[in-house]
Protein backbone atom coordinates (compact mmCIF):
# COMPACT_ATOMS: atom_id res chain seq x y z
CA MET A 1 -49.16 8.07 27.02
CA LEU A 2 -46.84 6.32 29.43
CA GLY A 3 -44.86 3.36 28.10
CA ALA A 4 -45.43 4.16 24.44
CA GLU A 5 -43.94 6.33 21.72
CA LEU A 6 -45.68 7.83 18.71
CA GLY A 7 -45.01 6.10 15.42
CA ALA A 8 -43.32 7.63 12.39
CA GLY A 9 -46.36 9.13 10.72
CA ASP A 10 -49.38 7.17 11.84
CA ALA A 11 -49.84 8.85 15.26
CA ALA A 12 -50.40 5.38 16.69
CA PRO A 13 -48.47 4.63 19.86
CA ARG A 14 -45.77 1.99 19.58
CA PRO A 15 -44.84 -0.09 22.60
CA ARG A 16 -41.64 0.77 24.46
CA GLY A 17 -40.43 -2.71 23.56
CA ALA A 18 -39.78 -1.44 20.03
CA ALA A 19 -36.70 0.42 21.29
CA ALA A 20 -35.44 -2.78 22.90
CA ALA A 21 -36.15 -4.66 19.69
CA LEU A 22 -34.15 -2.05 17.78
CA ALA A 23 -31.23 -2.39 20.19
CA ASP A 24 -31.28 -6.18 19.83
CA ARG A 25 -31.49 -5.96 16.05
CA VAL A 26 -28.68 -3.40 15.75
CA ALA A 27 -26.43 -5.43 18.05
CA THR A 28 -26.55 -8.38 15.64
CA LEU A 29 -25.83 -6.40 12.46
CA ARG A 30 -22.74 -7.14 10.37
CA ALA A 31 -21.64 -5.55 7.12
CA SER A 32 -19.00 -6.58 4.61
CA ALA A 33 -17.27 -4.83 1.75
CA SER A 34 -14.60 -5.81 -0.74
CA GLY A 35 -11.91 -3.80 -2.42
CA ALA A 36 -9.13 -4.07 -5.00
CA GLY A 37 -11.22 -6.31 -7.22
CA GLY A 38 -12.00 -8.74 -4.43
CA ALA A 39 -8.45 -8.99 -3.12
CA VAL A 40 -9.47 -7.39 0.20
CA LEU A 41 -12.62 -8.38 2.15
CA VAL A 42 -13.56 -6.65 5.42
CA THR A 43 -16.43 -7.42 7.81
CA VAL A 44 -17.45 -5.00 10.57
CA ALA A 45 -19.72 -5.47 13.60
CA SER A 46 -22.50 -3.08 14.63
CA SER A 47 -19.94 -1.03 16.57
CA GLY A 48 -17.96 -0.46 13.38
CA ASN A 49 -15.04 -2.55 14.63
CA VAL A 50 -13.41 -4.92 12.17
CA THR A 51 -14.34 -8.53 12.91
CA ALA A 52 -12.79 -10.15 9.83
CA LEU A 53 -10.13 -9.23 7.29
CA GLU A 54 -9.41 -11.52 4.37
CA LEU A 55 -6.57 -10.89 1.94
CA ASP A 56 -6.28 -12.66 -1.37
CA ASP A 57 -2.90 -13.45 -2.98
CA ARG A 58 -3.62 -10.61 -5.43
CA SER A 59 -3.35 -8.14 -2.53
CA LEU A 60 0.41 -8.77 -2.37
CA GLY A 61 0.77 -7.00 -5.72
CA LEU A 62 -0.52 -3.74 -4.21
CA GLY A 63 2.60 -3.11 -2.17
CA ALA A 64 2.61 -2.17 1.51
CA SER A 65 1.35 1.39 1.07
CA GLY A 66 -1.30 0.45 -1.50
CA LEU A 67 -2.53 -2.45 0.61
CA ALA A 68 -2.84 -0.30 3.73
CA THR A 69 -4.81 2.33 1.80
CA GLU A 70 -7.08 -0.29 0.25
CA ILE A 71 -7.78 -1.91 3.62
CA LEU A 72 -8.76 1.43 5.17
CA LEU A 73 -11.00 2.36 2.24
CA THR A 74 -12.68 -1.06 2.39
CA ILE A 75 -13.28 -0.64 6.14
CA ARG A 76 -14.99 2.70 5.41
CA ARG A 77 -17.17 1.09 2.74
CA ALA A 78 -18.24 -1.65 5.14
CA GLN A 79 -19.04 0.91 7.84
CA SER A 80 -21.11 2.93 5.35
CA ALA A 81 -23.06 -0.22 4.48
CA LEU A 82 -23.64 -0.74 8.19
CA ALA A 83 -25.28 2.70 8.46
CA GLY A 84 -27.69 1.67 5.69
CA GLN A 85 -28.61 -1.52 7.54
CA VAL A 86 -29.25 0.47 10.72
CA ALA A 87 -31.61 2.77 8.77
CA GLU A 88 -33.61 -0.28 7.66
CA ALA A 89 -33.72 -1.63 11.23
CA VAL A 90 -34.89 1.74 12.59
CA GLU A 91 -37.68 1.97 10.02
CA ALA A 92 -38.83 -1.58 10.77
CA THR A 93 -38.91 -1.13 14.56
CA VAL A 94 -39.34 2.38 16.00
CA GLY A 95 -39.73 4.36 12.77
CA ALA A 96 -37.39 6.94 11.30
CA GLY A 97 -39.65 9.84 12.35
CA THR A 98 -39.49 9.14 16.08
CA GLU A 99 -37.03 10.81 18.40
CA THR A 100 -35.40 7.47 19.12
CA GLY A 101 -35.14 6.67 15.42
CA LYS A 102 -33.67 10.08 14.59
CA ALA A 103 -31.13 9.81 17.40
CA VAL A 104 -29.96 6.35 16.33
CA LEU A 105 -29.77 7.34 12.65
CA ASP A 106 -27.87 10.54 13.43
CA SER A 107 -25.41 8.62 15.58
CA PHE A 108 -24.60 6.12 12.84
CA THR A 109 -24.49 8.63 9.97
CA GLN A 110 -22.11 10.86 11.92
CA ARG A 111 -19.80 8.00 12.87
CA PHE A 112 -19.97 6.26 9.50
CA PRO A 113 -20.67 8.79 6.74
CA ALA A 114 -21.82 7.62 3.33
CA GLU A 115 -19.05 6.83 0.92
CA GLY A 116 -17.71 9.81 -1.00
CA GLN A 117 -19.21 12.54 1.19
CA PRO A 118 -17.33 15.83 1.14
CA GLY A 119 -14.83 16.31 3.89
CA GLU A 120 -13.74 12.68 3.89
CA PRO A 121 -10.13 12.31 2.73
CA ALA A 122 -9.50 9.87 -0.09
CA ALA A 123 -6.66 8.33 1.84
CA PRO A 124 -5.57 8.61 5.47
CA VAL A 125 -3.35 11.58 6.14
CA MET A 126 -0.84 11.38 8.94
CA PRO A 127 1.64 14.10 9.79
CA SER A 128 5.24 13.27 9.13
CA PRO A 129 7.38 12.83 12.20
CA PRO A 130 9.49 15.81 13.20
CA PRO A 131 13.07 15.65 11.97
CA PHE A 132 15.51 14.11 14.35
CA PRO A 133 17.71 16.83 15.83
CA SER A 134 21.28 16.75 14.65
CA PHE A 135 24.02 17.90 16.95
CA SER A 136 27.10 19.52 15.62
CA THR A 137 30.50 19.37 17.30
CA VAL A 138 31.50 22.60 15.63
CA PRO A 139 31.53 25.58 18.03
CA THR A 140 28.70 28.05 17.55
CA LEU A 141 30.70 31.14 18.43
CA PRO A 142 33.80 32.12 16.44
CA HIS A 143 36.05 32.65 19.49
CA GLN A 144 35.36 29.17 20.90
CA ALA A 145 37.75 26.39 20.14
CA PRO A 146 36.63 22.80 20.31
CA GLY A 147 37.53 21.54 23.75
CA ASN A 148 37.83 18.34 25.66
CA GLY A 149 34.62 18.76 27.67
CA PHE A 150 35.88 21.49 30.01
CA GLU A 151 35.42 24.46 27.69
CA SER A 152 35.20 26.91 30.58
CA GLY A 153 38.84 26.26 31.37
CA ARG A 154 38.03 25.10 34.85
CA ASP A 155 37.22 21.62 36.05
CA SER A 156 33.87 21.87 37.80
CA ARG A 157 34.86 19.01 40.10
CA ALA A 158 37.83 20.92 41.48
CA ARG A 159 37.34 23.07 44.55
């Protein structure tokens, strides 16, 4: 049937406007999460981007590294809550059994996995920077003597 999509399990066609309603509803979603006993509060938009970050005075006691870790974990919790809200919006509009509903749910669950799923690191892992090269003024070959910049014995500027 043109202009309609089958519902989740009722085989009744739903108007194409349901997908537009879902898009409008998802666009307005916001999710918040707190961490460190309420010292960190994060709010994310439907895109998963952070829209608000509130730090309590208690957050100063975490130290720089602990605060950074707590902020990132709280962002992940807020994004996971967002995926749950999207699931509710999908069910209320197009239905979770429709192709549209499945696609939207899969998109959000892949981008924002549920908290504590395997494969998610407990803390962010970044590679350490490569060591800065150190240059030695000691000759590398035993027969070389430290020179004054013209080790070949000939001034390259002379002709």
